[in-house]
PDB file of all heavy atoms in Angstrom:
ATOM      1  N   SER A   1       1.655  -5.466 -14.279  1.00  0.00           N
ATOM      2  CA  SER A   1       2.972  -4.824 -14.632  1.00  0.00           C
ATOM      3  C   SER A   1       3.079  -4.594 -16.068  1.00  0.00           C
ATOM      4  O   SER A   1       3.743  -3.615 -16.524  1.00  0.00           O
ATOM      5  CB  SER A   1       4.096  -5.687 -14.131  1.00  0.00           C
ATOM      6  OG  SER A   1       4.099  -5.755 -12.682  1.00  0.00           O
ATOM      7  N   VAL A   2       2.381  -5.424 -16.879  1.00  0.00           N
ATOM      8  CA  VAL A   2       2.478  -5.351 -18.331  1.00  0.00           C
ATOM      9  C   VAL A   2       1.509  -4.380 -18.861  1.00  0.00           C
ATOM     10  O   VAL A   2       1.728  -3.518 -19.667  1.00  0.00           O
ATOM     11  CB  VAL A   2       2.361  -6.760 -18.940  1.00  0.00           C
ATOM     12  CG1 VAL A   2       2.195  -6.599 -20.527  1.00  0.00           C
ATOM     13  CG2 VAL A   2       3.448  -7.679 -18.628  1.00  0.00           C
ATOM     14  N   ASP A   3       0.193  -4.489 -18.456  1.00  0.00           N
ATOM     15  CA  ASP A   3      -0.915  -3.761 -19.021  1.00  0.00           C
ATOM     16  C   ASP A   3      -1.611  -2.752 -18.134  1.00  0.00           C
ATOM     17  O   ASP A   3      -2.565  -2.155 -18.514  1.00  0.00           O
ATOM     18  CB  ASP A   3      -1.898  -4.764 -19.624  1.00  0.00           C
ATOM     19  CG  ASP A   3      -1.347  -5.549 -20.770  1.00  0.00           C
ATOM     20  OD1 ASP A   3      -0.614  -4.997 -21.567  1.00  0.00           O
ATOM     21  OD2 ASP A   3      -1.673  -6.782 -20.837  1.00  0.00           O
ATOM     22  N   GLY A   4      -1.095  -2.616 -16.870  1.00  0.00           N
ATOM     23  CA  GLY A   4      -1.745  -1.735 -15.963  1.00  0.00           C
ATOM     24  C   GLY A   4      -3.160  -2.202 -15.545  1.00  0.00           C
ATOM     25  O   GLY A   4      -3.653  -3.182 -15.991  1.00  0.00           O
ATOM     26  N   TYR A   5      -3.746  -1.401 -14.684  1.00  0.00           N
ATOM     27  CA  TYR A   5      -4.951  -1.857 -13.955  1.00  0.00           C
ATOM     28  C   TYR A   5      -6.093  -1.947 -15.092  1.00  0.00           C
ATOM     29  O   TYR A   5      -6.808  -3.038 -15.048  1.00  0.00           O
ATOM     30  CB  TYR A   5      -5.303  -0.862 -12.932  1.00  0.00           C
ATOM     31  CG  TYR A   5      -6.727  -1.145 -12.315  1.00  0.00           C
ATOM     32  CD1 TYR A   5      -6.861  -2.103 -11.320  1.00  0.00           C
ATOM     33  CD2 TYR A   5      -7.865  -0.479 -12.742  1.00  0.00           C
ATOM     34  CE1 TYR A   5      -8.076  -2.413 -10.745  1.00  0.00           C
ATOM     35  CE2 TYR A   5      -9.040  -0.762 -12.159  1.00  0.00           C
ATOM     36  CZ  TYR A   5      -9.148  -1.735 -11.122  1.00  0.00           C
ATOM     37  OH  TYR A   5     -10.372  -1.992 -10.499  1.00  0.00           O
ATOM     38  N   HIS A   6      -6.315  -0.984 -15.834  1.00  0.00           N
ATOM     39  CA  HIS A   6      -7.414  -1.006 -16.740  1.00  0.00           C
ATOM     40  C   HIS A   6      -7.218  -1.972 -17.960  1.00  0.00           C
ATOM     41  O   HIS A   6      -8.212  -2.360 -18.570  1.00  0.00           O
ATOM     42  CB  HIS A   6      -7.647   0.396 -17.325  1.00  0.00           C
ATOM     43  CG  HIS A   6      -7.961   1.399 -16.258  1.00  0.00           C
ATOM     44  ND1 HIS A   6      -9.192   1.351 -15.579  1.00  0.00           N
ATOM     45  CD2 HIS A   6      -7.242   2.508 -15.747  1.00  0.00           C
ATOM     46  CE1 HIS A   6      -9.201   2.280 -14.628  1.00  0.00           C
ATOM     47  NE2 HIS A   6      -8.126   3.043 -14.754  1.00  0.00           N
ATOM     48  N   GLY A   7      -6.110  -2.404 -18.206  1.00  0.00           N
ATOM     49  CA  GLY A   7      -5.834  -3.382 -19.300  1.00  0.00           C
ATOM     50  C   GLY A   7      -5.966  -4.839 -18.977  1.00  0.00           C
ATOM     51  O   GLY A   7      -5.736  -5.643 -19.905  1.00  0.00           O
ATOM     52  N   VAL A   8      -6.252  -5.131 -17.678  1.00  0.00           N
ATOM     53  CA  VAL A   8      -6.292  -6.481 -17.269  1.00  0.00           C
ATOM     54  C   VAL A   8      -7.719  -6.948 -16.893  1.00  0.00           C
ATOM     55  O   VAL A   8      -8.492  -6.124 -16.258  1.00  0.00           O
ATOM     56  CB  VAL A   8      -5.400  -6.682 -16.036  1.00  0.00           C
ATOM     57  CG1 VAL A   8      -5.506  -8.094 -15.466  1.00  0.00           C
ATOM     58  CG2 VAL A   8      -3.977  -6.365 -16.412  1.00  0.00           C
ATOM     59  N   LYS A   9      -8.085  -8.103 -17.256  1.00  0.00           N
ATOM     60  CA  LYS A   9      -9.389  -8.694 -16.887  1.00  0.00           C
ATOM     61  C   LYS A   9      -9.219  -9.908 -16.021  1.00  0.00           C
ATOM     62  O   LYS A   9      -8.077 -10.536 -15.999  1.00  0.00           O
ATOM     63  CB  LYS A   9     -10.134  -9.222 -18.196  1.00  0.00           C
ATOM     64  CG  LYS A   9     -10.518  -8.045 -19.169  1.00  0.00           C
ATOM     65  CD  LYS A   9     -11.419  -8.520 -20.269  1.00  0.00           C
ATOM     66  CE  LYS A   9     -11.753  -7.325 -21.151  1.00  0.00           C
ATOM     67  NZ  LYS A   9     -12.569  -6.375 -20.496  1.00  0.00           N
ATOM     68  N   ILE A  10     -10.170 -10.146 -15.164  1.00  0.00           N
ATOM     69  CA  ILE A  10     -10.032 -11.183 -14.120  1.00  0.00           C
ATOM     70  C   ILE A  10      -9.860 -12.546 -14.765  1.00  0.00           C
ATOM     71  O   ILE A  10      -9.000 -13.365 -14.248  1.00  0.00           O
ATOM     72  CB  ILE A  10     -11.304 -11.227 -13.231  1.00  0.00           C
ATOM     73  CG1 ILE A  10     -11.330 -10.057 -12.362  1.00  0.00           C
ATOM     74  CG2 ILE A  10     -11.381 -12.536 -12.394  1.00  0.00           C
ATOM     75  CD1 ILE A  10     -12.635  -9.904 -11.469  1.00  0.00           C
ATOM     76  N   ASN A  11     -10.528 -12.821 -15.902  1.00  0.00           N
ATOM     77  CA  ASN A  11     -10.332 -14.200 -16.536  1.00  0.00           C
ATOM     78  C   ASN A  11      -8.836 -14.397 -16.946  1.00  0.00           C
ATOM     79  O   ASN A  11      -8.364 -15.439 -17.007  1.00  0.00           O
ATOM     80  CB  ASN A  11     -11.273 -14.384 -17.725  1.00  0.00           C
ATOM     81  CG  ASN A  11     -11.061 -13.355 -18.820  1.00  0.00           C
ATOM     82  OD1 ASN A  11     -10.428 -12.359 -18.697  1.00  0.00           O
ATOM     83  ND2 ASN A  11     -11.767 -13.682 -19.897  1.00  0.00           N
ATOM     84  N   ARG A  12      -8.168 -13.332 -17.347  1.00  0.00           N
ATOM     85  CA  ARG A  12      -6.768 -13.420 -17.710  1.00  0.00           C
ATOM     86  C   ARG A  12      -5.899 -13.826 -16.570  1.00  0.00           C
ATOM     87  O   ARG A  12      -5.032 -14.581 -16.629  1.00  0.00           O
ATOM     88  CB  ARG A  12      -6.256 -12.119 -18.393  1.00  0.00           C
ATOM     89  CG  ARG A  12      -4.801 -12.076 -18.638  1.00  0.00           C
ATOM     90  CD  ARG A  12      -4.388 -10.770 -19.158  1.00  0.00           C
ATOM     91  NE  ARG A  12      -2.873 -10.590 -19.193  1.00  0.00           N
ATOM     92  CZ  ARG A  12      -2.276  -9.480 -19.407  1.00  0.00           C
ATOM     93  NH1 ARG A  12      -2.955  -8.373 -19.781  1.00  0.00           N
ATOM     94  NH2 ARG A  12      -1.047  -9.433 -19.458  1.00  0.00           N
ATOM     95  N   ILE A  13      -6.176 -13.211 -15.430  1.00  0.00           N
ATOM     96  CA  ILE A  13      -5.423 -13.584 -14.159  1.00  0.00           C
ATOM     97  C   ILE A  13      -5.729 -14.965 -13.831  1.00  0.00           C
ATOM     98  O   ILE A  13      -4.706 -15.723 -13.489  1.00  0.00           O
ATOM     99  CB  ILE A  13      -5.869 -12.662 -12.966  1.00  0.00           C
ATOM    100  CG1 ILE A  13      -5.567 -11.194 -13.307  1.00  0.00           C
ATOM    101  CG2 ILE A  13      -5.309 -13.083 -11.679  1.00  0.00           C
ATOM    102  CD1 ILE A  13      -6.066 -10.173 -12.224  1.00  0.00           C
ATOM    103  N   CYS A  14      -6.888 -15.421 -13.871  1.00  0.00           N
ATOM    104  CA  CYS A  14      -7.255 -16.798 -13.493  1.00  0.00           C
ATOM    105  C   CYS A  14      -6.611 -17.788 -14.575  1.00  0.00           C
ATOM    106  O   CYS A  14      -6.124 -18.886 -14.073  1.00  0.00           O
ATOM    107  CB  CYS A  14      -8.809 -16.997 -13.536  1.00  0.00           C
ATOM    108  SG  CYS A  14      -9.645 -16.063 -12.256  1.00  0.00           S
ATOM    109  N   GLU A  15      -6.605 -17.451 -15.725  1.00  0.00           N
ATOM    110  CA  GLU A  15      -5.932 -18.436 -16.699  1.00  0.00           C
ATOM    111  C   GLU A  15      -4.502 -18.553 -16.526  1.00  0.00           C
ATOM    112  O   GLU A  15      -3.918 -19.645 -16.562  1.00  0.00           O
ATOM    113  CB  GLU A  15      -6.221 -17.823 -18.185  1.00  0.00           C
ATOM    114  CG  GLU A  15      -5.678 -18.668 -19.254  1.00  0.00           C
ATOM    115  CD  GLU A  15      -5.956 -18.119 -20.686  1.00  0.00           C
ATOM    116  OE1 GLU A  15      -6.641 -17.128 -20.813  1.00  0.00           O
ATOM    117  OE2 GLU A  15      -5.449 -18.771 -21.669  1.00  0.00           O
ATOM    118  N   SER A  16      -3.844 -17.366 -16.224  1.00  0.00           N
ATOM    119  CA  SER A  16      -2.440 -17.392 -15.926  1.00  0.00           C
ATOM    120  C   SER A  16      -2.173 -18.218 -14.640  1.00  0.00           C
ATOM    121  O   SER A  16      -1.043 -18.834 -14.556  1.00  0.00           O
ATOM    122  CB  SER A  16      -1.957 -16.030 -15.784  1.00  0.00           C
ATOM    123  OG  SER A  16      -0.557 -15.969 -15.582  1.00  0.00           O
ATOM    124  N   ALA A  17      -3.098 -18.029 -13.631  1.00  0.00           N
ATOM    125  CA  ALA A  17      -2.894 -18.805 -12.355  1.00  0.00           C
ATOM    126  C   ALA A  17      -3.231 -20.217 -12.472  1.00  0.00           C
ATOM    127  O   ALA A  17      -2.953 -20.990 -11.457  1.00  0.00           O
ATOM    128  CB  ALA A  17      -3.601 -18.057 -11.206  1.00  0.00           C
ATOM    129  N   GLY A  18      -3.979 -20.627 -13.502  1.00  0.00           N
ATOM    130  CA  GLY A  18      -4.374 -21.978 -13.606  1.00  0.00           C
ATOM    131  C   GLY A  18      -5.528 -22.424 -12.680  1.00  0.00           C
ATOM    132  O   GLY A  18      -5.632 -23.463 -12.138  1.00  0.00           O
ATOM    133  N   VAL A  19      -6.430 -21.423 -12.465  1.00  0.00           N
ATOM    134  CA  VAL A  19      -7.576 -21.674 -11.669  1.00  0.00           C
ATOM    135  C   VAL A  19      -8.928 -21.239 -12.488  1.00  0.00           C
ATOM    136  O   VAL A  19      -8.796 -20.468 -13.356  1.00  0.00           O
ATOM    137  CB  VAL A  19      -7.549 -20.867 -10.345  1.00  0.00           C
ATOM    138  CG1 VAL A  19      -6.244 -21.213  -9.542  1.00  0.00           C
ATOM    139  CG2 VAL A  19      -7.673 -19.389 -10.590  1.00  0.00           C
ATOM    140  N   ALA A  20     -10.013 -21.730 -11.945  1.00  0.00           N
ATOM    141  CA  ALA A  20     -11.295 -21.409 -12.589  1.00  0.00           C
ATOM    142  C   ALA A  20     -11.705 -19.964 -12.247  1.00  0.00           C
ATOM    143  O   ALA A  20     -11.315 -19.589 -11.074  1.00  0.00           O
ATOM    144  CB  ALA A  20     -12.341 -22.375 -12.144  1.00  0.00           C
ATOM    145  N   ASN A  21     -12.499 -19.347 -13.031  1.00  0.00           N
ATOM    146  CA  ASN A  21     -12.910 -17.983 -12.725  1.00  0.00           C
ATOM    147  C   ASN A  21     -13.699 -17.891 -11.352  1.00  0.00           C
ATOM    148  O   ASN A  21     -13.483 -16.905 -10.619  1.00  0.00           O
ATOM    149  CB  ASN A  21     -13.818 -17.431 -13.804  1.00  0.00           C
ATOM    150  CG  ASN A  21     -13.055 -17.070 -15.156  1.00  0.00           C
ATOM    151  OD1 ASN A  21     -11.801 -17.241 -15.156  1.00  0.00           O
ATOM    152  ND2 ASN A  21     -13.797 -16.686 -16.122  1.00  0.00           N
ATOM    153  N   GLY A  22     -14.515 -18.919 -11.127  1.00  0.00           N
ATOM    154  CA  GLY A  22     -15.174 -18.863  -9.813  1.00  0.00           C
ATOM    155  C   GLY A  22     -14.352 -18.944  -8.595  1.00  0.00           C
ATOM    156  O   GLY A  22     -14.642 -18.443  -7.589  1.00  0.00           O
ATOM    157  N   THR A  23     -13.178 -19.581  -8.760  1.00  0.00           N
ATOM    158  CA  THR A  23     -12.237 -19.732  -7.637  1.00  0.00           C
ATOM    159  C   THR A  23     -11.713 -18.421  -7.290  1.00  0.00           C
ATOM    160  O   THR A  23     -11.449 -18.161  -6.102  1.00  0.00           O
ATOM    161  CB  THR A  23     -11.037 -20.712  -8.065  1.00  0.00           C
ATOM    162  OG1 THR A  23     -11.561 -21.893  -8.428  1.00  0.00           O
ATOM    163  CG2 THR A  23     -10.061 -20.800  -6.948  1.00  0.00           C
ATOM    164  N   PHE A  24     -11.585 -17.463  -8.227  1.00  0.00           N
ATOM    165  CA  PHE A  24     -11.015 -16.142  -7.864  1.00  0.00           C
ATOM    166  C   PHE A  24     -11.817 -15.502  -6.739  1.00  0.00           C
ATOM    167  O   PHE A  24     -11.272 -14.902  -5.842  1.00  0.00           O
ATOM    168  CB  PHE A  24     -11.122 -15.245  -9.183  1.00  0.00           C
ATOM    169  CG  PHE A  24     -10.680 -13.819  -8.974  1.00  0.00           C
ATOM    170  CD1 PHE A  24      -9.383 -13.441  -9.097  1.00  0.00           C
ATOM    171  CD2 PHE A  24     -11.613 -12.812  -8.622  1.00  0.00           C
ATOM    172  CE1 PHE A  24      -8.967 -12.139  -8.868  1.00  0.00           C
ATOM    173  CE2 PHE A  24     -11.202 -11.568  -8.328  1.00  0.00           C
ATOM    174  CZ  PHE A  24      -9.905 -11.125  -8.569  1.00  0.00           C
ATOM    175  N   TYR A  25     -13.104 -15.637  -6.830  1.00  0.00           N
ATOM    176  CA  TYR A  25     -14.004 -14.953  -5.830  1.00  0.00           C
ATOM    177  C   TYR A  25     -13.973 -15.590  -4.437  1.00  0.00           C
ATOM    178  O   TYR A  25     -14.564 -14.996  -3.538  1.00  0.00           O
ATOM    179  CB  TYR A  25     -15.397 -14.818  -6.377  1.00  0.00           C
ATOM    180  CG  TYR A  25     -15.423 -13.928  -7.666  1.00  0.00           C
ATOM    181  CD1 TYR A  25     -15.404 -14.557  -8.896  1.00  0.00           C
ATOM    182  CD2 TYR A  25     -15.403 -12.578  -7.552  1.00  0.00           C
ATOM    183  CE1 TYR A  25     -15.415 -13.775 -10.112  1.00  0.00           C
ATOM    184  CE2 TYR A  25     -15.369 -11.748  -8.649  1.00  0.00           C
ATOM    185  CZ  TYR A  25     -15.427 -12.376  -9.921  1.00  0.00           C
ATOM    186  OH  TYR A  25     -15.346 -11.572 -11.058  1.00  0.00           O
ATOM    187  N   LEU A  26     -13.309 -16.673  -4.319  1.00  0.00           N
ATOM    188  CA  LEU A  26     -13.100 -17.221  -3.029  1.00  0.00           C
ATOM    189  C   LEU A  26     -11.979 -16.517  -2.256  1.00  0.00           C
ATOM    190  O   LEU A  26     -11.853 -16.651  -1.062  1.00  0.00           O
ATOM    191  CB  LEU A  26     -12.715 -18.743  -3.101  1.00  0.00           C
ATOM    192  CG  LEU A  26     -13.830 -19.703  -3.668  1.00  0.00           C
ATOM    193  CD1 LEU A  26     -13.248 -21.079  -3.840  1.00  0.00           C
ATOM    194  CD2 LEU A  26     -15.020 -19.651  -2.867  1.00  0.00           C
ATOM    195  N   TYR A  27     -11.188 -15.739  -3.053  1.00  0.00           N
ATOM    196  CA  TYR A  27     -10.054 -15.129  -2.551  1.00  0.00           C
ATOM    197  C   TYR A  27     -10.050 -13.610  -2.539  1.00  0.00           C
ATOM    198  O   TYR A  27      -9.582 -12.908  -1.626  1.00  0.00           O
ATOM    199  CB  TYR A  27      -8.695 -15.555  -3.262  1.00  0.00           C
ATOM    200  CG  TYR A  27      -8.416 -17.020  -3.072  1.00  0.00           C
ATOM    201  CD1 TYR A  27      -9.057 -18.015  -3.815  1.00  0.00           C
ATOM    202  CD2 TYR A  27      -7.568 -17.490  -2.053  1.00  0.00           C
ATOM    203  CE1 TYR A  27      -8.880 -19.411  -3.646  1.00  0.00           C
ATOM    204  CE2 TYR A  27      -7.277 -18.776  -1.988  1.00  0.00           C
ATOM    205  CZ  TYR A  27      -7.968 -19.751  -2.696  1.00  0.00           C
ATOM    206  OH  TYR A  27      -7.636 -21.077  -2.515  1.00  0.00           O
ATOM    207  N   PHE A  28     -10.755 -13.062  -3.637  1.00  0.00           N
ATOM    208  CA  PHE A  28     -10.898 -11.595  -3.829  1.00  0.00           C
ATOM    209  C   PHE A  28     -12.269 -11.285  -4.279  1.00  0.00           C
ATOM    210  O   PHE A  28     -12.869 -11.952  -4.918  1.00  0.00           O
ATOM    211  CB  PHE A  28      -9.854 -11.012  -4.788  1.00  0.00           C
ATOM    212  CG  PHE A  28      -8.463 -11.514  -4.414  1.00  0.00           C
ATOM    213  CD1 PHE A  28      -7.762 -12.568  -4.920  1.00  0.00           C
ATOM    214  CD2 PHE A  28      -7.711 -10.652  -3.543  1.00  0.00           C
ATOM    215  CE1 PHE A  28      -6.441 -12.832  -4.551  1.00  0.00           C
ATOM    216  CE2 PHE A  28      -6.396 -10.942  -3.097  1.00  0.00           C
ATOM    217  CZ  PHE A  28      -5.793 -12.059  -3.601  1.00  0.00           C
ATOM    218  N   LYS A  29     -12.711 -10.043  -3.837  1.00  0.00           N
ATOM    219  CA  LYS A  29     -14.008  -9.603  -4.224  1.00  0.00           C
ATOM    220  C   LYS A  29     -14.100  -9.082  -5.616  1.00  0.00           C
ATOM    221  O   LYS A  29     -15.065  -9.181  -6.207  1.00  0.00           O
ATOM    222  CB  LYS A  29     -14.462  -8.506  -3.214  1.00  0.00           C
ATOM    223  CG  LYS A  29     -14.464  -8.889  -1.785  1.00  0.00           C
ATOM    224  CD  LYS A  29     -14.796  -7.745  -0.857  1.00  0.00           C
ATOM    225  CE  LYS A  29     -14.944  -8.089   0.567  1.00  0.00           C
ATOM    226  NZ  LYS A  29     -15.184  -6.906   1.481  1.00  0.00           N
ATOM    227  N   SER A  30     -12.950  -8.416  -6.125  1.00  0.00           N
ATOM    228  CA  SER A  30     -13.002  -7.838  -7.415  1.00  0.00           C
ATOM    229  C   SER A  30     -11.542  -7.584  -7.924  1.00  0.00           C
ATOM    230  O   SER A  30     -10.548  -8.028  -7.211  1.00  0.00           O
ATOM    231  CB  SER A  30     -13.611  -6.416  -7.286  1.00  0.00           C
ATOM    232  OG  SER A  30     -12.902  -5.651  -6.401  1.00  0.00           O
ATOM    233  N   LYS A  31     -11.442  -7.185  -9.150  1.00  0.00           N
ATOM    234  CA  LYS A  31     -10.128  -6.807  -9.698  1.00  0.00           C
ATOM    235  C   LYS A  31      -9.467  -5.727  -8.846  1.00  0.00           C
ATOM    236  O   LYS A  31      -8.226  -5.798  -8.598  1.00  0.00           O
ATOM    237  CB  LYS A  31     -10.176  -6.329 -11.139  1.00  0.00           C
ATOM    238  CG  LYS A  31      -8.930  -6.063 -11.752  1.00  0.00           C
ATOM    239  CD  LYS A  31      -9.076  -5.745 -13.230  1.00  0.00           C
ATOM    240  CE  LYS A  31      -9.591  -4.389 -13.468  1.00  0.00           C
ATOM    241  NZ  LYS A  31      -9.457  -3.922 -14.976  1.00  0.00           N
ATOM    242  N   GLU A  32     -10.310  -4.799  -8.378  1.00  0.00           N
ATOM    243  CA  GLU A  32      -9.687  -3.741  -7.481  1.00  0.00           C
ATOM    244  C   GLU A  32      -9.120  -4.327  -6.262  1.00  0.00           C
ATOM    245  O   GLU A  32      -8.070  -3.931  -5.667  1.00  0.00           O
ATOM    246  CB  GLU A  32     -10.737  -2.662  -7.148  1.00  0.00           C
ATOM    247  CG  GLU A  32     -10.162  -1.491  -6.338  1.00  0.00           C
ATOM    248  CD  GLU A  32     -11.137  -0.463  -6.015  1.00  0.00           C
ATOM    249  OE1 GLU A  32     -12.420  -0.718  -6.294  1.00  0.00           O
ATOM    250  OE2 GLU A  32     -10.852   0.489  -5.501  1.00  0.00           O
ATOM    251  N   ASP A  33      -9.861  -5.332  -5.692  1.00  0.00           N
ATOM    252  CA  ASP A  33      -9.329  -5.911  -4.445  1.00  0.00           C
ATOM    253  C   ASP A  33      -8.006  -6.565  -4.631  1.00  0.00           C
ATOM    254  O   ASP A  33      -7.138  -6.454  -3.725  1.00  0.00           O
ATOM    255  CB  ASP A  33     -10.423  -6.983  -3.997  1.00  0.00           C
ATOM    256  CG  ASP A  33     -10.249  -7.550  -2.584  1.00  0.00           C
ATOM    257  OD1 ASP A  33      -9.635  -6.818  -1.790  1.00  0.00           O
ATOM    258  OD2 ASP A  33     -10.680  -8.602  -2.289  1.00  0.00           O
ATOM    259  N   ILE A  34      -7.835  -7.396  -5.657  1.00  0.00           N
ATOM    260  CA  ILE A  34      -6.529  -8.044  -5.863  1.00  0.00           C
ATOM    261  C   ILE A  34      -5.470  -7.041  -6.244  1.00  0.00           C
ATOM    262  O   ILE A  34      -4.305  -7.169  -5.859  1.00  0.00           O
ATOM    263  CB  ILE A  34      -6.643  -9.101  -6.927  1.00  0.00           C
ATOM    264  CG1 ILE A  34      -5.248 -10.077  -6.902  1.00  0.00           C
ATOM    265  CG2 ILE A  34      -6.828  -8.644  -8.329  1.00  0.00           C
ATOM    266  CD1 ILE A  34      -5.416 -11.321  -7.565  1.00  0.00           C
ATOM    267  N   TYR A  35      -5.787  -5.959  -6.913  1.00  0.00           N
ATOM    268  CA  TYR A  35      -4.817  -4.929  -7.238  1.00  0.00           C
ATOM    269  C   TYR A  35      -4.329  -4.259  -5.985  1.00  0.00           C
ATOM    270  O   TYR A  35      -3.036  -4.088  -5.813  1.00  0.00           O
ATOM    271  CB  TYR A  35      -5.423  -3.875  -8.194  1.00  0.00           C
ATOM    272  CG  TYR A  35      -4.453  -2.858  -8.689  1.00  0.00           C
ATOM    273  CD1 TYR A  35      -3.630  -3.232  -9.857  1.00  0.00           C
ATOM    274  CD2 TYR A  35      -4.250  -1.706  -8.069  1.00  0.00           C
ATOM    275  CE1 TYR A  35      -2.719  -2.273 -10.277  1.00  0.00           C
ATOM    276  CE2 TYR A  35      -3.295  -0.719  -8.517  1.00  0.00           C
ATOM    277  CZ  TYR A  35      -2.535  -1.030  -9.587  1.00  0.00           C
ATOM    278  OH  TYR A  35      -1.600  -0.105 -10.047  1.00  0.00           O
ATOM    279  N   GLU A  36      -5.239  -3.982  -5.038  1.00  0.00           N
ATOM    280  CA  GLU A  36      -4.818  -3.353  -3.762  1.00  0.00           C
ATOM    281  C   GLU A  36      -3.886  -4.250  -3.075  1.00  0.00           C
ATOM    282  O   GLU A  36      -2.892  -3.998  -2.419  1.00  0.00           O
ATOM    283  CB  GLU A  36      -6.058  -3.055  -2.979  1.00  0.00           C
ATOM    284  CG  GLU A  36      -6.706  -1.887  -3.546  1.00  0.00           C
ATOM    285  CD  GLU A  36      -8.016  -1.470  -2.787  1.00  0.00           C
ATOM    286  OE1 GLU A  36      -8.309  -2.189  -1.803  1.00  0.00           O
ATOM    287  OE2 GLU A  36      -8.602  -0.534  -3.114  1.00  0.00           O
TER     288      GLU A  36
END
């Protein structure tokens, strides 16, 4: 919502959610996957 799709990196999402980067891939395949 702040930076749009292209302005966001997966590690930023993980940091904000309080999870490790590797944990992200247990839930989503990619940034596009979570955006959808």
